[in-house]
PDB file of N, CA and C in Angstrom:
ATOM      1  N   UNK A   1     -40.777  61.720  16.998  1.00  0.00           N
ATOM      2  CA  UNK A   1     -40.268  60.508  17.368  1.00  0.00           C
ATOM      3  C   UNK A   1     -40.005  59.865  16.879  1.00  0.00           C
ATOM      4  N   UNK A   2     -38.273  59.556  16.438  1.00  0.00           N
ATOM      5  CA  UNK A   2     -37.943  58.927  15.229  1.00  0.00           C
ATOM      6  C   UNK A   2     -37.704  57.147  15.777  1.00  0.00           C
ATOM      7  N   UNK A   3     -37.441  56.558  14.671  1.00  0.00           N
ATOM      8  CA  UNK A   3     -37.133  54.989  15.314  1.00  0.00           C
ATOM      9  C   UNK A   3     -34.969  54.993  15.635  1.00  0.00           C
ATOM     10  N   UNK A   4     -34.757  53.858  16.829  1.00  0.00           N
ATOM     11  CA  UNK A   4     -34.094  54.013  16.710  1.00  0.00           C
ATOM     12  C   UNK A   4     -32.840  52.546  17.004  1.00  0.00           C
ATOM     13  N   UNK A   5     -31.805  52.650  15.836  1.00  0.00           N
ATOM     14  CA  UNK A   5     -31.545  51.713  15.596  1.00  0.00           C
ATOM     15  C   UNK A   5     -29.870  51.321  15.926  1.00  0.00           C
ATOM     16  N   UNK A   6     -29.909  50.422  16.675  1.00  0.00           N
ATOM     17  CA  UNK A   6     -28.522  50.354  16.968  1.00  0.00           C
ATOM     18  C   UNK A   6     -27.834  49.189  16.052  1.00  0.00           C
ATOM     19  N   UNK A   7     -26.536  49.806  15.714  1.00  0.00           N
ATOM     20  CA  UNK A   7     -26.362  48.080  14.949  1.00  0.00           C
ATOM     21  C   UNK A   7     -24.814  48.193  15.440  1.00  0.00           C
ATOM     22  N   UNK A   8     -24.195  47.080  15.005  1.00  0.00           N
ATOM     23  CA  UNK A   8     -23.286  46.253  16.674  1.00  0.00           C
ATOM     24  C   UNK A   8     -22.574  45.140  16.048  1.00  0.00           C
ATOM     25  N   UNK A   9     -21.874  44.716  15.729  1.00  0.00           N
ATOM     26  CA  UNK A   9     -21.177  43.923  15.044  1.00  0.00           C
ATOM     27  C   UNK A   9     -21.048  42.899  15.556  1.00  0.00           C
ATOM     28  N   UNK A  10     -21.262  41.106  15.369  1.00  0.00           N
ATOM     29  CA  UNK A  10     -21.462  40.520  16.606  1.00  0.00           C
ATOM     30  C   UNK A  10     -20.292  40.180  17.097  1.00  0.00           C
ATOM     31  N   UNK A  11     -19.835  39.481  18.300  1.00  0.00           N
ATOM     32  CA  UNK A  11     -18.807  39.130  19.105  1.00  0.00           C
ATOM     33  C   UNK A  11     -17.867  37.788  17.716  1.00  0.00           C
ATOM     34  N   UNK A  12     -16.216  38.444  17.255  1.00  0.00           N
ATOM     35  CA  UNK A  12     -15.753  37.326  16.597  1.00  0.00           C
ATOM     36  C   UNK A  12     -16.068  35.863  17.606  1.00  0.00           C
ATOM     37  N   UNK A  13     -15.882  34.971  16.667  1.00  0.00           N
ATOM     38  CA  UNK A  13     -16.321  33.418  17.095  1.00  0.00           C
ATOM     39  C   UNK A  13     -15.088  32.951  18.329  1.00  0.00           C
ATOM     40  N   UNK A  14     -15.347  32.426  19.078  1.00  0.00           N
ATOM     41  CA  UNK A  14     -14.643  32.219  20.415  1.00  0.00           C
ATOM     42  C   UNK A  14     -13.878  30.600  19.575  1.00  0.00           C
ATOM     43  N   UNK A  15     -13.483  30.540  21.162  1.00  0.00           N
ATOM     44  CA  UNK A  15     -12.017  29.144  20.656  1.00  0.00           C
ATOM     45  C   UNK A  15     -13.060  27.829  19.546  1.00  0.00           C
ATOM     46  N   UNK A  16     -13.989  27.380  20.376  1.00  0.00           N
ATOM     47  CA  UNK A  16     -14.551  26.265  20.178  1.00  0.00           C
ATOM     48  C   UNK A  16     -15.432  26.335  18.933  1.00  0.00           C
ATOM     49  N   UNK A  17     -15.536  27.230  18.661  1.00  0.00           N
ATOM     50  CA  UNK A  17     -16.588  27.579  16.849  1.00  0.00           C
ATOM     51  C   UNK A  17     -15.204  27.756  16.179  1.00  0.00           C
ATOM     52  N   UNK A  18     -14.253  28.270  16.422  1.00  0.00           N
ATOM     53  CA  UNK A  18     -12.710  28.598  15.706  1.00  0.00           C
ATOM     54  C   UNK A  18     -12.511  26.365  15.268  1.00  0.00           C
ATOM     55  N   UNK A  19     -12.560  25.438  16.138  1.00  0.00           N
ATOM     56  CA  UNK A  19     -11.362  24.835  16.477  1.00  0.00           C
ATOM     57  C   UNK A  19     -12.768  23.138  16.619  1.00  0.00           C
ATOM     58  N   UNK A  20     -13.684  23.622  16.782  1.00  0.00           N
ATOM     59  CA  UNK A  20     -14.514  22.460  17.082  1.00  0.00           C
ATOM     60  C   UNK A  20     -14.238  21.108  15.749  1.00  0.00           C
ATOM     61  N   UNK A  21     -14.455  21.763  14.373  1.00  0.00           N
ATOM     62  CA  UNK A  21     -14.308  20.315  13.406  1.00  0.00           C
ATOM     63  C   UNK A  21     -12.650  19.416  13.542  1.00  0.00           C
ATOM     64  N   UNK A  22     -12.124  20.666  14.237  1.00  0.00           N
ATOM     65  CA  UNK A  22     -10.706  19.784  13.980  1.00  0.00           C
ATOM     66  C   UNK A  22     -10.396  19.013  15.164  1.00  0.00           C
ATOM     67  N   UNK A  23     -10.963  19.294  16.060  1.00  0.00           N
ATOM     68  CA  UNK A  23     -11.106  18.865  17.644  1.00  0.00           C
ATOM     69  C   UNK A  23     -11.937  17.247  17.357  1.00  0.00           C
ATOM     70  N   UNK A  24     -13.227  17.799  16.843  1.00  0.00           N
ATOM     71  CA  UNK A  24     -14.003  16.068  16.947  1.00  0.00           C
ATOM     72  C   UNK A  24     -12.804  15.714  15.867  1.00  0.00           C
ATOM     73  N   UNK A  25     -12.477  16.038  15.044  1.00  0.00           N
ATOM     74  CA  UNK A  25     -12.084  15.132  13.909  1.00  0.00           C
ATOM     75  C   UNK A  25     -10.603  13.830  14.096  1.00  0.00           C
ATOM     76  N   UNK A  26     -10.115  14.332  15.691  1.00  0.00           N
ATOM     77  CA  UNK A  26      -9.366  14.134  15.473  1.00  0.00           C
ATOM     78  C   UNK A  26      -9.319  13.188  16.749  1.00  0.00           C
ATOM     79  N   UNK A  27     -10.456  13.825  17.259  1.00  0.00           N
ATOM     80  CA  UNK A  27     -11.612  12.836  18.569  1.00  0.00           C
ATOM     81  C   UNK A  27     -11.573  11.451  18.159  1.00  0.00           C
ATOM     82  N   UNK A  28     -12.437  11.999  16.679  1.00  0.00           N
ATOM     83  CA  UNK A  28     -13.232  10.767  15.502  1.00  0.00           C
ATOM     84  C   UNK A  28     -11.687   9.543  15.593  1.00  0.00           C
ATOM     85  N   UNK A  29     -10.673  10.165  15.284  1.00  0.00           N
ATOM     86  CA  UNK A  29      -9.598   9.656  14.256  1.00  0.00           C
ATOM     87  C   UNK A  29      -9.317   8.433  16.021  1.00  0.00           C
ATOM     88  N   UNK A  30      -8.618   9.399  16.633  1.00  0.00           N
ATOM     89  CA  UNK A  30      -8.135   8.248  18.079  1.00  0.00           C
ATOM     90  C   UNK A  30      -9.060   7.075  19.174  1.00  0.00           C
ATOM     91  N   UNK A  31     -10.552   7.419  18.413  1.00  0.00           N
ATOM     92  CA  UNK A  31     -11.656   6.532  18.887  1.00  0.00           C
ATOM     93  C   UNK A  31     -11.690   5.340  17.874  1.00  0.00           C
ATOM     94  N   UNK A  32     -11.841   5.751  16.446  1.00  0.00           N
ATOM     95  CA  UNK A  32     -11.154   4.609  15.547  1.00  0.00           C
ATOM     96  C   UNK A  32      -9.832   3.839  16.339  1.00  0.00           C
ATOM     97  N   UNK A  33      -9.032   4.249  15.858  1.00  0.00           N
ATOM     98  CA  UNK A  33      -7.753   3.666  16.723  1.00  0.00           C
ATOM     99  C   UNK A  33      -7.942   2.832  17.769  1.00  0.00           C
ATOM    100  N   UNK A  34      -8.422   3.383  18.549  1.00  0.00           N
ATOM    101  CA  UNK A  34      -8.428   2.640  19.855  1.00  0.00           C
ATOM    102  C   UNK A  34      -9.162   1.433  19.971  1.00  0.00           C
ATOM    103  N   UNK A  35     -10.464   1.301  18.676  1.00  0.00           N
ATOM    104  CA  UNK A  35     -11.473   0.815  19.025  1.00  0.00           C
ATOM    105  C   UNK A  35     -10.841  -0.484  18.057  1.00  0.00           C
ATOM    106  N   UNK A  36     -10.101  -0.149  16.841  1.00  0.00           N
ATOM    107  CA  UNK A  36      -9.245  -1.051  15.554  1.00  0.00           C
ATOM    108  C   UNK A  36      -8.718  -1.344  16.215  1.00  0.00           C
ATOM    109  N   UNK A  37      -7.500  -1.390  17.667  1.00  0.00           N
ATOM    110  CA  UNK A  37      -6.374  -1.741  17.876  1.00  0.00           C
ATOM    111  C   UNK A  37      -5.080  -1.491  18.033  1.00  0.00           C
ATOM    112  N   UNK A  38      -5.444   0.075  16.997  1.00  0.00           N
ATOM    113  CA  UNK A  38      -3.582   0.412  16.837  1.00  0.00           C
ATOM    114  C   UNK A  38      -3.115  -0.104  16.009  1.00  0.00           C
ATOM    115  N   UNK A  39      -2.645  -1.350  16.079  1.00  0.00           N
ATOM    116  CA  UNK A  39      -1.638  -2.334  15.572  1.00  0.00           C
ATOM    117  C   UNK A  39      -2.180  -2.907  14.425  1.00  0.00           C
ATOM    118  N   UNK A  40      -1.268  -3.785  13.852  1.00  0.00           N
ATOM    119  CA  UNK A  40      -1.790  -4.565  12.898  1.00  0.00           C
ATOM    120  C   UNK A  40      -0.662  -6.508  13.292  1.00  0.00           C
ATOM    121  N   UNK A  41      -1.027  -6.264  14.536  1.00  0.00           N
ATOM    122  CA  UNK A  41      -0.119  -7.256  14.742  1.00  0.00           C
ATOM    123  C   UNK A  41      -1.011  -8.375  15.611  1.00  0.00           C
ATOM    124  N   UNK A  42      -0.459  -9.680  15.504  1.00  0.00           N
ATOM    125  CA  UNK A  42      -1.108 -10.596  14.865  1.00  0.00           C
ATOM    126  C   UNK A  42      -1.370 -11.065  16.798  1.00  0.00           C
ATOM    127  N   UNK A  43      -2.366 -11.591  16.881  1.00  0.00           N
ATOM    128  CA  UNK A  43      -2.611 -12.175  18.360  1.00  0.00           C
ATOM    129  C   UNK A  43      -1.686 -13.815  18.294  1.00  0.00           C
ATOM    130  N   UNK A  44      -1.649 -14.052  19.307  1.00  0.00           N
ATOM    131  CA  UNK A  44      -0.493 -14.921  19.757  1.00  0.00           C
ATOM    132  C   UNK A  44      -1.373 -15.903  20.299  1.00  0.00           C
ATOM    133  N   UNK A  45      -1.659 -17.479  19.968  1.00  0.00           N
ATOM    134  CA  UNK A  45      -3.118 -17.820  20.312  1.00  0.00           C
ATOM    135  C   UNK A  45      -2.582 -18.313  21.397  1.00  0.00           C
ATOM    136  N   UNK A  46      -3.597 -19.013  22.075  1.00  0.00           N
ATOM    137  CA  UNK A  46      -2.978 -19.595  23.485  1.00  0.00           C
ATOM    138  C   UNK A  46      -2.557 -21.160  23.425  1.00  0.00           C
ATOM    139  N   UNK A  47      -1.862 -21.691  24.150  1.00  0.00           N
ATOM    140  CA  UNK A  47      -1.191 -23.113  23.563  1.00  0.00           C
ATOM    141  C   UNK A  47      -2.081 -24.002  24.177  1.00  0.00           C
ATOM    142  N   UNK A  48      -3.559 -24.703  23.580  1.00  0.00           N
ATOM    143  CA  UNK A  48      -3.865 -25.788  24.413  1.00  0.00           C
ATOM    144  C   UNK A  48      -3.835 -26.656  23.210  1.00  0.00           C
ATOM    145  N   UNK A  49      -3.770 -28.175  23.923  1.00  0.00           N
ATOM    146  CA  UNK A  49      -4.248 -29.551  24.116  1.00  0.00           C
ATOM    147  C   UNK A  49      -4.765 -29.720  22.851  1.00  0.00           C
ATOM    148  N   UNK A  50      -4.312 -30.370  21.770  1.00  0.00           N
ATOM    149  CA  UNK A  50      -4.908 -30.992  20.834  1.00  0.00           C
ATOM    150  C   UNK A  50      -5.651 -32.069  21.071  1.00  0.00           C
ATOM    151  N   UNK A  51      -6.803 -32.131  20.433  1.00  0.00           N
ATOM    152  CA  UNK A  51      -7.711 -33.829  20.642  1.00  0.00           C
ATOM    153  C   UNK A  51      -6.796 -35.002  20.198  1.00  0.00           C
ATOM    154  N   UNK A  52      -7.003 -35.964  20.724  1.00  0.00           N
ATOM    155  CA  UNK A  52      -6.664 -37.144  20.087  1.00  0.00           C
ATOM    156  C   UNK A  52      -7.726 -37.735  19.527  1.00  0.00           C
ATOM    157  N   UNK A  53      -7.318 -38.509  18.189  1.00  0.00           N
ATOM    158  CA  UNK A  53      -8.370 -39.538  17.413  1.00  0.00           C
ATOM    159  C   UNK A  53      -8.749 -40.131  18.748  1.00  0.00           C
ATOM    160  N   UNK A  54      -9.845 -40.726  18.245  1.00  0.00           N
ATOM    161  CA  UNK A  54     -10.486 -42.208  18.890  1.00  0.00           C
ATOM    162  C   UNK A  54      -9.867 -42.780  18.300  1.00  0.00           C
ATOM    163  N   UNK A  55      -9.505 -44.236  18.693  1.00  0.00           N
ATOM    164  CA  UNK A  55      -9.783 -45.519  18.043  1.00  0.00           C
ATOM    165  C   UNK A  55     -11.427 -46.676  17.576  1.00  0.00           C
ATOM    166  N   UNK A  56     -11.005 -46.528  16.390  1.00  0.00           N
ATOM    167  CA  UNK A  56     -12.591 -47.520  16.402  1.00  0.00           C
ATOM    168  C   UNK A  56     -12.528 -48.214  16.064  1.00  0.00           C
ATOM    169  N   UNK A  57     -12.863 -50.080  16.212  1.00  0.00           N
ATOM    170  CA  UNK A  57     -12.987 -51.108  15.596  1.00  0.00           C
ATOM    171  C   UNK A  57     -13.338 -51.032  14.849  1.00  0.00           C
ATOM    172  N   UNK A  58     -12.669 -51.766  13.335  1.00  0.00           N
ATOM    173  CA  UNK A  58     -13.000 -51.768  12.306  1.00  0.00           C
ATOM    174  C   UNK A  58     -13.948 -53.101  12.116  1.00  0.00           C
ATOM    175  N   UNK A  59     -15.040 -53.403  11.060  1.00  0.00           N
ATOM    176  CA  UNK A  59     -15.858 -54.922  11.297  1.00  0.00           C
ATOM    177  C   UNK A  59     -14.982 -55.859   9.748  1.00  0.00           C
ATOM    178  N   UNK A  60     -15.034 -56.456  10.573  1.00  0.00           N
ATOM    179  CA  UNK A  60     -14.327 -57.568   9.132  1.00  0.00           C
ATOM    180  C   UNK A  60     -15.180 -58.859   9.201  1.00  0.00           C
ATOM    181  N   UNK A  61     -16.014 -58.411   8.226  1.00  0.00           N
ATOM    182  CA  UNK A  61     -16.974 -59.733   8.673  1.00  0.00           C
ATOM    183  C   UNK A  61     -17.449 -59.841   6.702  1.00  0.00           C
ATOM    184  N   UNK A  62     -18.527 -60.520   6.168  1.00  0.00           N
ATOM    185  CA  UNK A  62     -19.198 -60.807   5.299  1.00  0.00           C
ATOM    186  C   UNK A  62     -19.544 -59.874   4.762  1.00  0.00           C
ATOM    187  N   UNK A  63     -20.255 -58.687   4.798  1.00  0.00           N
ATOM    188  CA  UNK A  63     -21.130 -58.148   4.576  1.00  0.00           C
ATOM    189  C   UNK A  63     -22.322 -58.038   3.783  1.00  0.00           C
TER     190      UNK A  63
END
């Protein structure tokens, strides 16, 4: 009675194993563009009224 060894080649890597680096890189790039706004356009400020300066009386005295 001897020991029998069965040697088989491992299955080739699947689609995910071959392409996971590319898929993760593209996903991270898209997420970064989404978070960063994607474009460099200037935001248009809202039309807000400007405050008017208050008029305070000045003292004229002998100080």
